[in-house]
Protein backbone atom coordinates (compact mmCIF):
# COMPACT_ATOMS: atom_id res chain seq x y z
CA UNK A 1 129.30 68.76 320.08
CA UNK A 2 132.09 69.28 317.57
CA UNK A 3 131.24 69.81 313.94
CA UNK A 4 132.04 66.89 311.66
CA UNK A 5 134.26 67.91 308.78
CA UNK A 6 134.90 66.21 305.45
CA UNK A 7 138.61 65.61 305.86
CA UNK A 8 139.14 65.15 302.12
CA UNK A 9 137.68 68.54 301.25
CA UNK A 10 139.74 71.72 300.93
CA UNK A 11 137.55 74.30 302.66
CA UNK A 12 139.73 77.13 301.33
CA UNK A 13 138.99 76.41 297.67
CA UNK A 14 135.79 76.26 295.63
CA UNK A 15 137.47 74.50 292.69
CA UNK A 16 135.77 71.31 291.48
CA UNK A 17 138.96 69.24 291.49
CA UNK A 18 137.05 65.99 292.06
CA UNK A 19 135.28 66.46 288.74
CA UNK A 20 137.87 68.24 286.58
CA UNK A 21 141.62 68.41 287.11
CA UNK A 22 143.73 71.14 285.50
CA UNK A 23 147.07 69.54 284.67
CA UNK A 24 148.95 72.28 282.74
CA UNK A 25 149.08 76.08 282.87
CA UNK A 26 150.50 78.29 280.13
CA UNK A 27 150.99 81.86 281.34
CA UNK A 28 151.67 85.01 279.37
CA UNK A 29 152.37 87.96 281.64
CA UNK A 30 153.08 91.60 280.80
CA UNK A 31 154.48 93.34 283.88
CA UNK A 32 153.22 96.93 284.18
CA UNK A 33 154.99 98.70 287.05
CA UNK A 34 153.23 102.00 286.35
CA UNK A 35 149.78 100.50 286.93
CA UNK A 36 151.07 97.86 289.39
CA UNK A 37 149.31 95.27 287.32
CA UNK A 38 149.91 92.07 285.39
CA UNK A 39 148.18 92.03 282.02
CA UNK A 40 147.85 88.32 281.46
CA UNK A 41 146.56 85.32 279.61
CA UNK A 42 146.24 81.93 281.29
CA UNK A 43 145.65 78.79 279.23
CA UNK A 44 144.40 75.91 281.39
CA UNK A 45 144.48 72.35 280.08
CA UNK A 46 142.35 69.88 282.00
CA UNK A 47 140.99 66.34 282.17
CA UNK A 48 137.57 65.23 283.35
CA UNK A 49 137.32 62.78 286.23
CA UNK A 50 133.57 62.45 285.69
CA UNK A 51 130.86 63.92 283.48
CA UNK A 52 130.86 67.64 284.11
CA UNK A 53 130.12 70.68 281.95
CA UNK A 54 131.52 73.37 284.24
CA UNK A 55 135.08 74.24 285.24
CA UNK A 56 135.13 75.96 288.65
CA UNK A 57 138.20 78.04 289.53
CA UNK A 58 139.37 80.19 292.42
CA UNK A 59 140.04 83.89 291.92
CA UNK A 60 140.44 87.04 294.00
CA UNK A 61 140.17 90.60 292.71
CA UNK A 62 140.93 89.52 289.13
CA UNK A 63 139.57 91.55 286.23
CA UNK A 64 138.55 88.97 283.63
CA UNK A 65 138.09 90.28 280.11
CA UNK A 66 137.33 87.17 278.06
CA UNK A 67 137.37 83.38 278.30
CA UNK A 68 137.58 81.35 275.10
CA UNK A 69 138.14 77.79 273.98
CA UNK A 70 141.05 76.75 271.79
CA UNK A 71 139.29 77.91 268.63
CA UNK A 72 138.70 81.41 269.97
CA UNK A 73 135.00 80.87 270.68
CA UNK A 74 133.79 82.92 273.63
CA UNK A 75 132.68 80.86 276.61
CA UNK A 76 130.07 81.86 279.14
CA UNK A 77 131.28 82.40 282.68
CA UNK A 78 130.10 83.82 285.98
CA UNK A 79 131.89 85.25 289.00
CA UNK A 80 130.50 84.94 292.51
CA UNK A 81 132.04 86.60 295.56
CA UNK A 82 132.50 84.06 298.39
CA UNK A 83 134.17 86.06 301.17
CA UNK A 84 137.24 88.19 301.77
CA UNK A 85 139.45 85.21 302.60
CA UNK A 86 138.47 82.96 299.72
CA UNK A 87 137.76 85.58 297.09
CA UNK A 88 135.65 84.63 294.10
CA UNK A 89 134.19 81.53 292.48
CA UNK A 90 134.72 81.53 288.71
CA UNK A 91 132.38 79.14 286.88
CA UNK A 92 133.11 78.48 283.18
CA UNK A 93 130.74 76.60 280.86
CA UNK A 94 132.94 74.01 279.13
CA UNK A 95 130.32 71.62 277.72
CA UNK A 96 131.38 68.02 277.36
CA UNK A 97 134.10 68.26 274.70
CA UNK A 98 136.34 71.22 275.68
CA UNK A 99 139.62 70.36 277.43
CA UNK A 100 141.29 73.79 277.36
CA UNK A 101 140.26 77.35 278.20
CA UNK A 102 142.08 80.62 277.57
CA UNK A 103 141.47 83.37 280.13
CA UNK A 104 142.49 86.96 279.35
CA UNK A 105 142.62 88.99 282.53
CA UNK A 106 144.34 91.66 284.60
CA UNK A 107 145.37 91.67 288.24
CA UNK A 108 144.36 94.28 290.78
CA UNK A 109 146.97 96.61 292.33
CA UNK A 110 145.72 95.27 295.68
CA UNK A 111 146.34 91.61 294.78
CA UNK A 112 147.37 89.90 298.02
CA UNK A 113 149.75 87.58 296.21
CA UNK A 114 151.85 90.37 294.69
CA UNK A 115 153.96 93.08 296.26
CA UNK A 116 154.99 96.02 294.09
CA UNK A 117 157.91 97.97 295.54
CA UNK A 118 158.85 101.47 294.50
CA UNK A 119 162.55 102.18 293.77
CA UNK A 120 162.84 103.82 297.20
CA UNK A 121 161.74 100.56 298.86
CA UNK A 122 164.59 98.57 297.29
CA UNK A 123 168.23 98.31 298.26
CA UNK A 124 169.46 99.93 295.04
CA UNK A 125 166.91 102.80 295.16
CA UNK A 126 166.94 103.06 291.35
CA UNK A 127 164.29 100.72 289.87
CA UNK A 128 161.07 99.06 291.08
CA UNK A 129 160.67 95.46 292.23
CA UNK A 130 157.89 92.87 292.16
CA UNK A 131 157.58 89.55 293.93
CA UNK A 132 154.79 87.09 294.57
CA UNK A 133 153.78 85.06 297.60
CA UNK A 134 151.22 82.43 296.68
CA UNK A 135 151.09 80.35 299.85
CA UNK A 136 148.62 79.58 301.23
CA UNK A 137 145.73 80.90 299.07
CA UNK A 138 147.13 83.91 297.22
CA UNK A 139 148.00 82.35 293.86
CA UNK A 140 144.35 83.00 292.94
CA UNK A 141 144.96 86.75 293.24
CA UNK A 142 147.34 86.73 290.25
CA UNK A 143 146.22 83.63 288.32
CA UNK A 144 142.71 82.17 287.90
CA UNK A 145 143.17 78.50 288.79
CA UNK A 146 142.31 75.58 291.04
CA UNK A 147 144.09 77.12 294.02
CA UNK A 148 144.40 74.12 296.30
CA UNK A 149 147.40 71.95 297.18
CA UNK A 150 145.33 69.00 295.94
CA UNK A 151 145.76 70.32 292.38
CA UNK A 152 149.21 69.70 290.94
CA UNK A 153 150.11 71.28 287.62
CA UNK A 154 153.00 71.67 285.24
CA UNK A 155 153.43 75.14 283.78
CA UNK A 156 155.20 77.21 281.18
CA UNK A 157 155.34 80.99 281.06
CA UNK A 158 156.42 83.98 279.03
CA UNK A 159 156.98 87.11 281.13
CA UNK A 160 157.49 90.47 279.41
CA UNK A 161 159.41 93.13 281.33
CA UNK A 162 159.82 96.50 279.61
CA UNK A 163 162.41 98.28 281.74
CA UNK A 164 165.52 96.11 281.49
CA UNK A 165 164.88 94.20 284.71
CA UNK A 166 165.24 90.44 285.17
CA UNK A 167 162.30 88.08 285.72
CA UNK A 168 162.69 84.77 287.55
CA UNK A 169 160.15 82.07 288.43
CA UNK A 170 159.82 78.76 290.26
CA UNK A 171 160.88 76.99 287.09
CA UNK A 172 163.93 76.58 284.87
CA UNK A 173 165.59 80.03 284.80
CA UNK A 174 168.12 81.25 282.24
CA UNK A 175 171.04 83.61 282.87
CA UNK A 176 170.49 85.17 279.44
CA UNK A 177 168.85 88.59 279.33
CA UNK A 178 166.51 88.46 276.29
CA UNK A 179 166.76 91.40 273.91
CA UNK A 180 162.97 91.72 273.67
CA UNK A 181 162.48 91.59 277.45
CA UNK A 182 160.44 88.37 277.25
CA UNK A 183 161.64 85.68 279.66
CA UNK A 184 160.66 82.07 278.99
CA UNK A 185 160.06 79.51 281.76
CA UNK A 186 159.25 75.83 281.98
CA UNK A 187 158.33 73.63 284.96
CA UNK A 188 157.81 70.13 283.60
CA UNK A 189 157.23 68.51 287.00
CA UNK A 190 153.80 68.86 288.65
CA UNK A 191 153.75 71.26 291.60
CA UNK A 192 151.03 72.47 293.98
CA UNK A 193 149.66 75.85 292.93
CA UNK A 194 150.91 77.58 296.09
CA UNK A 195 154.46 77.02 294.77
CA UNK A 196 153.92 79.23 291.72
CA UNK A 197 156.33 82.13 292.15
CA UNK A 198 157.52 85.21 290.26
CA UNK A 199 160.02 87.97 290.99
CA UNK A 200 161.12 90.91 288.83
CA UNK A 201 163.85 93.37 289.71
CA UNK A 202 167.46 94.45 289.38
CA UNK A 203 168.79 90.95 290.04
CA UNK A 204 172.37 89.78 289.96
CA UNK A 205 173.31 86.10 290.10
CA UNK A 206 176.15 84.31 291.85
CA UNK A 207 176.89 80.59 291.71
CA UNK A 208 177.50 78.44 294.79
CA UNK A 209 177.88 75.23 292.79
CA UNK A 210 176.98 73.96 289.35
CA UNK A 211 173.37 73.38 290.46
CA UNK A 212 172.92 76.05 293.11
CA UNK A 213 173.19 79.82 293.27
CA UNK A 214 171.65 83.07 294.43
CA UNK A 215 169.70 85.87 292.78
CA UNK A 216 169.46 89.15 294.64
CA UNK A 217 170.03 92.87 294.26
CA UNK A 218 173.68 93.51 293.30
CA UNK A 219 174.62 95.22 296.58
CA UNK A 220 173.40 92.18 298.57
CA UNK A 221 175.05 89.45 296.48
CA UNK A 222 178.48 89.17 298.15
CA UNK A 223 176.99 88.98 301.65
CA UNK A 224 174.41 86.42 300.56
CA UNK A 225 176.97 84.20 298.86
CA UNK A 226 179.18 84.23 301.96
CA UNK A 227 176.29 83.52 304.34
CA UNK A 228 174.83 80.66 302.31
CA UNK A 229 178.02 79.16 300.89
CA UNK A 230 177.29 75.79 302.58
CA UNK A 231 174.11 75.19 300.56
CA UNK A 232 175.62 72.64 298.19
CA UNK A 233 176.88 70.71 301.21
CA UNK A 234 173.33 70.79 302.57
CA UNK A 235 172.00 69.37 299.29
CA UNK A 236 174.49 66.51 299.45
CA UNK A 237 173.55 65.83 303.08
CA UNK A 238 169.85 65.82 302.21
CA UNK A 239 170.43 63.44 299.29
CA UNK A 240 172.22 61.02 301.61
CA UNK A 241 169.01 60.77 303.64
CA UNK A 242 166.19 60.99 301.11
CA UNK A 243 167.70 60.22 297.74
CA UNK A 244 168.62 62.34 294.71
CA UNK A 245 167.50 65.97 294.69
CA UNK A 246 164.30 65.83 292.60
CA UNK A 247 164.10 69.34 291.08
CA UNK A 248 167.33 69.62 289.03
CA UNK A 249 168.51 72.99 290.41
CA UNK A 250 168.27 74.60 293.83
CA UNK A 251 168.55 78.33 293.31
CA UNK A 252 167.54 80.95 295.86
CA UNK A 253 166.50 84.56 295.66
CA UNK A 254 167.19 86.87 298.61
CA UNK A 255 164.27 89.27 298.54
CA UNK A 256 163.81 92.77 299.97
CA UNK A 257 163.09 93.00 303.73
CA UNK A 258 159.32 93.26 303.17
CA UNK A 259 159.12 89.55 302.28
CA UNK A 260 156.77 88.30 305.02
CA UNK A 261 158.35 84.89 305.69
CA UNK A 262 161.71 83.43 306.60
CA UNK A 263 161.67 81.48 303.40
CA UNK A 264 159.35 79.96 300.84
CA UNK A 265 160.19 76.63 299.29
CA UNK A 266 159.27 77.39 295.67
CA UNK A 267 160.99 74.64 293.65
CA UNK A 268 164.07 75.78 291.70
CA UNK A 269 163.75 79.26 293.25
CA UNK A 270 163.47 79.28 297.03
CA UNK A 271 162.53 82.71 298.38
CA UNK A 272 164.72 83.81 301.31
CA UNK A 273 164.46 86.77 303.70
CA UNK A 274 167.51 89.02 304.09
CA UNK A 275 166.99 88.83 307.88
CA UNK A 276 168.88 85.52 307.74
CA UNK A 277 172.09 87.32 306.79
CA UNK A 278 173.64 87.74 310.23
CA UNK A 279 177.29 87.50 309.12
CA UNK A 280 178.02 84.32 311.08
CA UNK A 281 175.78 81.64 309.48
CA UNK A 282 173.85 81.39 312.74
CA UNK A 283 170.44 81.56 311.05
CA UNK A 284 171.07 79.39 307.98
CA UNK A 285 168.88 76.58 309.33
CA UNK A 286 166.03 78.36 307.50
CA UNK A 287 167.86 77.69 304.24
CA UNK A 288 168.14 74.05 305.31
CA UNK A 289 164.40 74.12 306.07
CA UNK A 290 163.46 75.38 302.61
CA UNK A 291 165.79 72.83 301.03
CA UNK A 292 164.25 70.03 303.11
CA UNK A 293 160.84 71.01 301.71
CA UNK A 294 162.10 69.85 298.31
CA UNK A 295 161.21 66.36 299.55
CA UNK A 296 158.72 66.90 302.37
CA UNK A 297 156.35 69.54 301.05
CA UNK A 298 157.13 69.90 297.36
CA UNK A 299 157.48 66.22 296.48
CA UNK A 300 154.96 65.01 299.09
CA UNK A 301 152.40 67.71 299.86
CA UNK A 302 149.55 68.37 302.26
CA UNK A 303 146.18 67.96 300.52
CA UNK A 304 144.53 70.76 302.51
CA UNK A 305 145.74 73.42 304.95
CA UNK A 306 144.34 71.30 307.77
CA UNK A 307 147.13 68.83 306.89
CA UNK A 308 149.95 71.39 306.95
CA UNK A 309 151.70 69.48 309.75
CA UNK A 310 152.68 66.80 307.23
CA UNK A 311 154.74 69.41 305.39
CA UNK A 312 156.11 71.37 308.27
CA UNK A 313 156.60 68.68 310.90
CA UNK A 314 158.68 66.36 308.75
CA UNK A 315 160.54 69.34 307.28
CA UNK A 316 161.36 70.85 310.68
CA UNK A 317 162.69 67.48 311.82
CA UNK A 318 164.61 67.01 308.56
CA UNK A 319 166.10 70.49 308.97
CA UNK A 320 167.52 69.48 312.33
CA UNK A 321 169.14 66.44 310.76
CA UNK A 322 170.80 68.62 308.11
CA UNK A 323 172.07 71.06 310.74
CA UNK A 324 173.54 68.14 312.67
CA UNK A 325 175.26 66.79 309.57
CA UNK A 326 176.74 70.14 308.50
CA UNK A 327 177.27 72.07 311.74
CA UNK A 328 177.48 69.34 314.38
CA UNK A 329 175.39 67.73 317.09
CA UNK A 330 175.71 70.60 319.57
CA UNK A 331 174.11 73.14 317.25
CA UNK A 332 171.38 70.66 316.28
CA UNK A 333 170.60 70.01 319.95
CA UNK A 334 170.52 73.73 320.72
CA UNK A 335 168.10 74.41 317.88
CA UNK A 336 165.89 71.51 318.94
CA UNK A 337 165.73 72.77 322.54
CA UNK A 338 164.89 76.29 321.34
CA UNK A 339 162.22 74.80 319.09
CA UNK A 340 160.71 72.98 322.09
CA UNK A 341 160.78 76.22 324.06
CA UNK A 342 158.85 77.97 321.28
CA UNK A 343 156.30 75.17 321.31
CA UNK A 344 155.70 75.42 325.07
CA UNK A 345 155.38 79.19 324.79
CA UNK A 346 152.83 78.86 321.96
CA UNK A 347 150.80 76.31 323.91
CA UNK A 348 150.32 78.70 326.84
CA UNK A 349 148.17 81.09 324.78
CA UNK A 350 146.58 78.50 322.49
CA UNK A 351 143.16 76.93 323.25
CA UNK A 352 143.64 73.29 324.20
CA UNK A 353 141.05 72.18 321.65
CA UNK A 354 143.24 73.63 318.89
CA UNK A 355 146.34 71.71 320.01
CA UNK A 356 146.06 68.77 317.62
CA UNK A 357 148.38 68.07 314.70
CA UNK A 358 145.67 68.75 312.10
CA UNK A 359 145.13 72.51 312.06
CA UNK A 360 141.40 73.00 312.48
CA UNK A 361 141.16 76.05 310.25
CA UNK A 362 138.39 74.86 307.94
CA UNK A 363 136.32 77.99 308.54
CA UNK A 364 139.24 80.23 309.46
CA UNK A 365 141.99 82.02 307.58
CA UNK A 366 144.38 79.44 306.10
CA UNK A 367 147.23 81.63 307.37
CA UNK A 368 146.21 80.64 310.92
CA UNK A 369 147.64 77.16 310.30
CA UNK A 370 151.12 78.67 310.03
CA UNK A 371 151.98 78.90 313.71
CA UNK A 372 154.86 77.44 315.69
CA UNK A 373 152.57 74.78 317.13
CA UNK A 374 151.87 73.25 313.71
CA UNK A 375 155.59 73.11 312.98
CA UNK A 376 156.96 72.15 316.37
CA UNK A 377 154.50 69.65 317.82
CA UNK A 378 154.70 67.74 314.56
CA UNK A 379 158.48 67.90 314.68
CA UNK A 380 158.47 66.49 318.24
CA UNK A 381 156.29 63.64 316.97
CA UNK A 382 158.75 62.83 314.18
CA UNK A 383 161.71 63.05 316.60
CA UNK A 384 159.94 60.55 318.86
CA UNK A 385 159.38 58.19 315.92
CA UNK A 386 163.12 58.32 315.27
CA UNK A 387 163.89 57.60 318.94
CA UNK A 388 161.51 54.66 319.08
CA UNK A 389 162.52 53.03 315.81
CA UNK A 390 166.20 53.89 315.98
CA UNK A 391 167.81 56.17 313.45
CA UNK A 392 168.61 53.57 310.79
CA UNK A 393 165.11 52.08 310.70
CA UNK A 394 163.48 55.48 310.89
CA UNK A 395 165.58 56.77 307.99
CA UNK A 396 164.38 53.82 305.92
CA UNK A 397 160.78 54.57 306.86
CA UNK A 398 161.18 58.25 305.92
CA UNK A 399 162.81 57.37 302.59
CA UNK A 400 160.06 54.84 301.76
CA UNK A 401 157.33 57.29 302.79
CA UNK A 402 158.62 60.01 300.45
CA UNK A 403 159.08 57.58 297.56
CA UNK A 404 155.62 56.09 298.08
CA UNK A 405 153.81 59.45 297.95
CA UNK A 406 156.07 61.48 295.65
CA UNK A 407 154.21 63.99 293.46
CA UNK A 408 151.06 63.41 295.51
CA UNK A 409 149.04 65.46 297.99
CA UNK A 410 147.91 63.52 301.05
CA UNK A 411 145.64 64.07 304.03
CA UNK A 412 146.27 63.32 307.69
CA UNK A 413 144.10 60.24 307.33
CA UNK A 414 146.14 59.01 304.34
CA UNK A 415 149.25 59.20 306.50
CA UNK A 416 147.50 57.36 309.35
CA UNK A 417 146.53 54.50 307.03
CA UNK A 418 150.05 54.33 305.64
CA UNK A 419 151.51 54.25 309.15
CA UNK A 420 149.14 51.45 310.13
CA UNK A 421 150.32 49.38 307.17
CA UNK A 422 154.02 50.08 307.72
CA UNK A 423 155.10 51.36 311.14
CA UNK A 424 152.58 49.41 313.19
CA UNK A 425 153.21 46.19 311.27
CA UNK A 426 157.00 46.41 311.03
CA UNK A 427 157.62 47.87 314.52
CA UNK A 428 154.72 46.70 316.74
CA UNK A 429 156.80 46.99 319.90
CA UNK A 430 158.02 50.51 319.08
CA UNK A 431 154.68 52.30 318.76
CA UNK A 432 151.06 51.31 319.17
CA UNK A 433 148.03 52.51 317.25
CA UNK A 434 146.76 54.20 320.41
CA UNK A 435 150.01 56.13 320.81
CA UNK A 436 149.97 57.13 317.14
CA UNK A 437 146.41 58.43 317.42
CA UNK A 438 147.24 60.30 320.64
CA UNK A 439 150.06 62.13 318.91
CA UNK A 440 147.96 63.07 315.88
CA UNK A 441 144.52 63.78 317.30
CA UNK A 442 145.29 64.29 320.99
CA UNK A 443 145.32 67.78 322.50
CA UNK A 444 148.66 69.14 323.65
CA UNK A 445 151.65 66.85 324.05
CA UNK A 446 151.32 63.20 325.12
CA UNK A 447 151.80 62.77 328.86
CA UNK A 448 154.74 60.44 328.30
CA UNK A 449 156.70 62.84 326.07
CA UNK A 450 159.99 64.12 327.46
CA UNK A 451 161.32 67.21 325.71
CA UNK A 452 164.86 67.61 324.39
CA UNK A 453 167.75 68.87 326.52
CA UNK A 454 171.30 69.96 325.84
CA UNK A 455 174.21 70.03 328.27
CA UNK A 456 175.50 72.93 326.18
CA UNK A 457 172.85 75.07 327.89
CA UNK A 458 174.08 74.32 331.41
CA UNK A 459 176.37 77.36 331.29
CA UNK A 460 173.43 79.54 330.24
CA UNK A 461 171.28 78.20 333.07
CA UNK A 462 174.14 78.99 335.45
CA UNK A 463 174.31 82.56 334.18
CA UNK A 464 170.53 82.95 334.54
CA UNK A 465 170.74 81.67 338.11
CA UNK A 466 173.49 84.17 338.91
CA UNK A 467 171.33 86.94 337.48
CA UNK A 468 168.39 85.91 339.65
CA UNK A 469 170.65 85.96 342.70
CA UNK A 470 171.57 89.57 341.97
CA UNK A 471 174.83 89.37 340.04
CA UNK A 472 175.38 92.10 337.45
CA UNK A 473 175.60 91.25 333.77
CA UNK A 474 179.33 91.99 333.76
CA UNK A 475 179.94 89.11 336.19
CA UNK A 476 178.35 86.50 333.91
CA UNK A 477 180.72 84.18 332.06
CA UNK A 478 179.48 84.28 328.45
CA UNK A 479 182.74 83.34 326.74
CA UNK A 480 182.19 81.12 323.71
CA UNK A 481 178.42 81.52 323.61
CA UNK A 482 176.78 80.94 320.23
CA UNK A 483 173.76 82.86 318.97
CA UNK A 484 171.59 79.95 320.11
CA UNK A 485 172.87 80.34 323.68
CA UNK A 486 171.90 84.02 323.54
CA UNK A 487 168.47 83.16 322.14
CA UNK A 488 167.90 80.76 325.01
CA UNK A 489 169.22 83.30 327.54
CA UNK A 490 166.86 86.06 326.41
CA UNK A 491 163.87 83.71 326.23
CA UNK A 492 164.53 82.43 329.76
CA UNK A 493 164.87 85.86 331.39
CA UNK A 494 162.32 86.49 334.16
CA UNK A 495 159.03 87.90 332.91
CA UNK A 496 159.47 90.93 335.15
CA UNK A 497 162.73 92.87 335.18
CA UNK A 498 163.54 96.24 336.74
CA UNK A 499 164.72 99.21 334.71
CA UNK A 500 168.10 98.84 336.41
CA UNK A 501 168.36 95.19 335.34
CA UNK A 502 167.34 95.99 331.78
CA UNK A 503 169.82 98.84 331.54
CA UNK A 504 172.56 96.62 332.95
CA UNK A 505 171.90 93.80 330.48
CA UNK A 506 171.64 96.19 327.54
CA UNK A 507 174.77 98.17 328.34
CA UNK A 508 176.91 95.05 328.83
CA UNK A 509 175.58 92.90 325.99
CA UNK A 510 174.31 95.53 323.54
CA UNK A 511 171.05 93.74 322.82
CA UNK A 512 169.25 96.86 321.53
CA UNK A 513 171.91 97.29 318.86
CA UNK A 514 171.96 93.65 317.74
CA UNK A 515 172.25 93.12 313.99
CA UNK A 516 170.80 89.64 314.41
CA UNK A 517 167.07 90.00 313.74
CA UNK A 518 166.16 86.98 315.90
CA UNK A 519 168.00 88.33 318.96
CA UNK A 520 166.77 91.87 318.39
CA UNK A 521 163.14 90.77 318.19
CA UNK A 522 163.41 88.60 321.32
CA UNK A 523 165.05 91.44 323.24
CA UNK A 524 162.54 94.03 322.09
CA UNK A 525 159.74 91.76 323.33
CA UNK A 526 161.36 91.59 326.78
CA UNK A 527 161.98 95.34 326.79
CA UNK A 528 158.46 96.31 325.72
CA UNK A 529 156.91 93.95 328.25
CA UNK A 530 158.88 95.68 331.01
CA UNK A 531 158.36 99.26 329.75
CA UNK A 532 162.03 99.79 328.92
CA UNK A 533 161.06 102.75 326.79
CA UNK A 534 164.55 103.60 325.59
CA UNK A 535 164.11 100.84 322.96
CA UNK A 536 160.92 102.27 321.45
CA UNK A 537 162.69 104.29 318.73
CA UNK A 538 164.70 101.17 317.81
CA UNK A 539 161.51 99.11 317.73
CA UNK A 540 159.95 101.68 315.42
CA UNK A 541 162.98 101.56 313.14
CA UNK A 542 162.94 97.75 313.18
CA UNK A 543 159.23 97.57 312.31
CA UNK A 544 159.74 100.17 309.61
CA UNK A 545 162.51 98.18 307.94
CA UNK A 546 161.59 94.53 308.50
CA UNK A 547 158.45 92.97 307.01
CA UNK A 548 158.89 89.39 308.21
CA UNK A 549 155.63 88.38 309.90
CA UNK A 550 157.46 86.24 312.48
CA UNK A 551 158.93 89.44 313.95
CA UNK A 552 156.37 92.06 313.03
CA UNK A 553 153.17 90.53 314.38
CA UNK A 554 154.53 89.61 317.84
CA UNK A 555 156.10 93.04 318.33
CA UNK A 556 152.88 94.86 317.49
CA UNK A 557 151.08 92.52 319.88
CA UNK A 558 153.62 93.25 322.63
CA UNK A 559 153.18 96.99 322.11
CA UNK A 560 149.41 96.72 322.38
CA UNK A 561 149.50 94.47 325.46
CA UNK A 562 151.97 96.80 327.20
CA UNK A 563 149.68 99.80 326.65
CA UNK A 564 151.55 101.46 323.78
CA UNK A 565 148.49 101.58 321.51
CA UNK A 566 149.13 105.04 320.11
CA UNK A 567 152.81 104.32 319.47
CA UNK A 568 151.88 101.04 317.74
CA UNK A 569 149.31 102.77 315.56
CA UNK A 570 151.74 105.55 314.64
CA UNK A 571 154.47 103.05 313.72
CA UNK A 572 151.99 100.99 311.68
CA UNK A 573 150.66 103.99 309.78
CA UNK A 574 154.21 104.93 308.84
CA UNK A 575 155.35 101.37 308.00
CA UNK A 576 152.21 99.84 306.46
CA UNK A 577 153.00 100.68 302.84
CA UNK A 578 156.22 98.68 303.08
CA UNK A 579 154.55 95.49 304.32
CA UNK A 580 153.44 92.68 302.05
CA UNK A 581 149.70 92.89 301.21
CA UNK A 582 148.94 89.61 303.00
CA UNK A 583 150.56 90.96 306.17
CA UNK A 584 148.78 94.29 305.77
CA UNK A 585 145.44 92.48 305.91
CA UNK A 586 146.38 90.67 309.13
CA UNK A 587 147.71 93.83 310.79
CA UNK A 588 144.73 95.91 309.66
CA UNK A 589 142.50 93.48 311.57
CA UNK A 590 144.72 93.80 314.63
CA UNK A 591 144.70 97.60 314.56
CA UNK A 592 140.95 97.78 314.04
CA UNK A 593 140.56 96.45 317.58
CA UNK A 594 141.92 99.72 318.98
């Protein structure tokens, strides 16, 4: 019998958001690179939803010195360790008349939400670097707060940097370098706490348009500007679908390679991995994805990590629409087919009971919700809604949905009720309640679903067939192939290949030397699986340079499955210090199985 869960509860937070809601955060941060520590003060302003004399916050590895009210009076508090994933429960006695607390604290050098890079770990090799990653539950490791997407806050901040570096945040940023090293920030629109973001380093800035630009290390700036020069066009395309851009500016920061994600949609300062810079704009759909989150994710948010599909499914679909508008239908179709291929691959190794749109991670690590299934099954659902309603009617539904729930966090069940009142009433012949419930709560894909196809892949299928019939790689006609054709080609290669076949493919197409991180990772997986050991030094170099979890975790898994345990452990021991703390924790658990 399955356990019954309270679908309105965030099982990854102990905060008492139903009783007290923090609505504004004032941060004062002193960045200490020598101690790898933030010396900080957080002022939390809150309202009571019901009679309550305790404010309960989330924390992890924070060193709290004092907590006072607005008059400076010390307040009693207690800290209880919950578990390694959730961290600590901070309970503050606030009586019945206090509506603000001031917490003086310090972060731990092992804070999972912060990565401190030495000068040697940066591109410039001269000065250190710091960046945060709050999603999903790591904001609590650098700020004591109600760390749940249910809790939206405005915030202001003063960040002191002593060594002439620039600080930027997910807020209004200034291009002025303050003489006293104190940077001021303001975010006047309420955001979920996992979108709190900070970066400090040797950062140059380049404008793409009057509301969009890029921060990054000086040596990376020209390449980044060239790769992402279409971003303003993406913003205009997005606005044509979902209305005016709601966050004033859309700036990005291209981080060092240790950033563990492709991107992070922090409003006004999207975090971007340098692995997207391929020189041909072939991977810029991730930029479109983070931009799309400005509406579906930042404006309308998931209430708990069980409901992540509401963010990622609509955003993945919306991304495809932006790609189609900017780069054409062929590229959009190719990316959709590749997405469907990823989904089918994920489903093979995923327990059927877990294959529902809500991610059943209530007692698991919230990071487990961030898999391709959560993104791609939900995207297939949204694509089918578009097909059934027709594009014009679906676009109206999507626009109305975002406007109805803007600046709110919703659950799966909230969406279901909204769909019943809108979709099922307005389009009764397009989709039934039974079909809606099958998509959301059913395991796997509905039996009636037909996946996407693209005639653009016919030439790739022909080449794969020739290969299976024994033709050499040199005989394949690959003229005019895009990166997406190559991605599909590598993914569709037979599971078992001979050393002669691998050598032939590699010598003709140069896969092992690819500068495209997506292609390199896919090829390395094929090579490792088939014991093509000539790639092992390149795999080690790749894992030592790249910290993006999408690439790193699968490659370590492939090494372990293929029997290269000692090589995997040796690579990890050498590379671990360069990985983000949140990724270190996940890989530590993997390596402990050896």
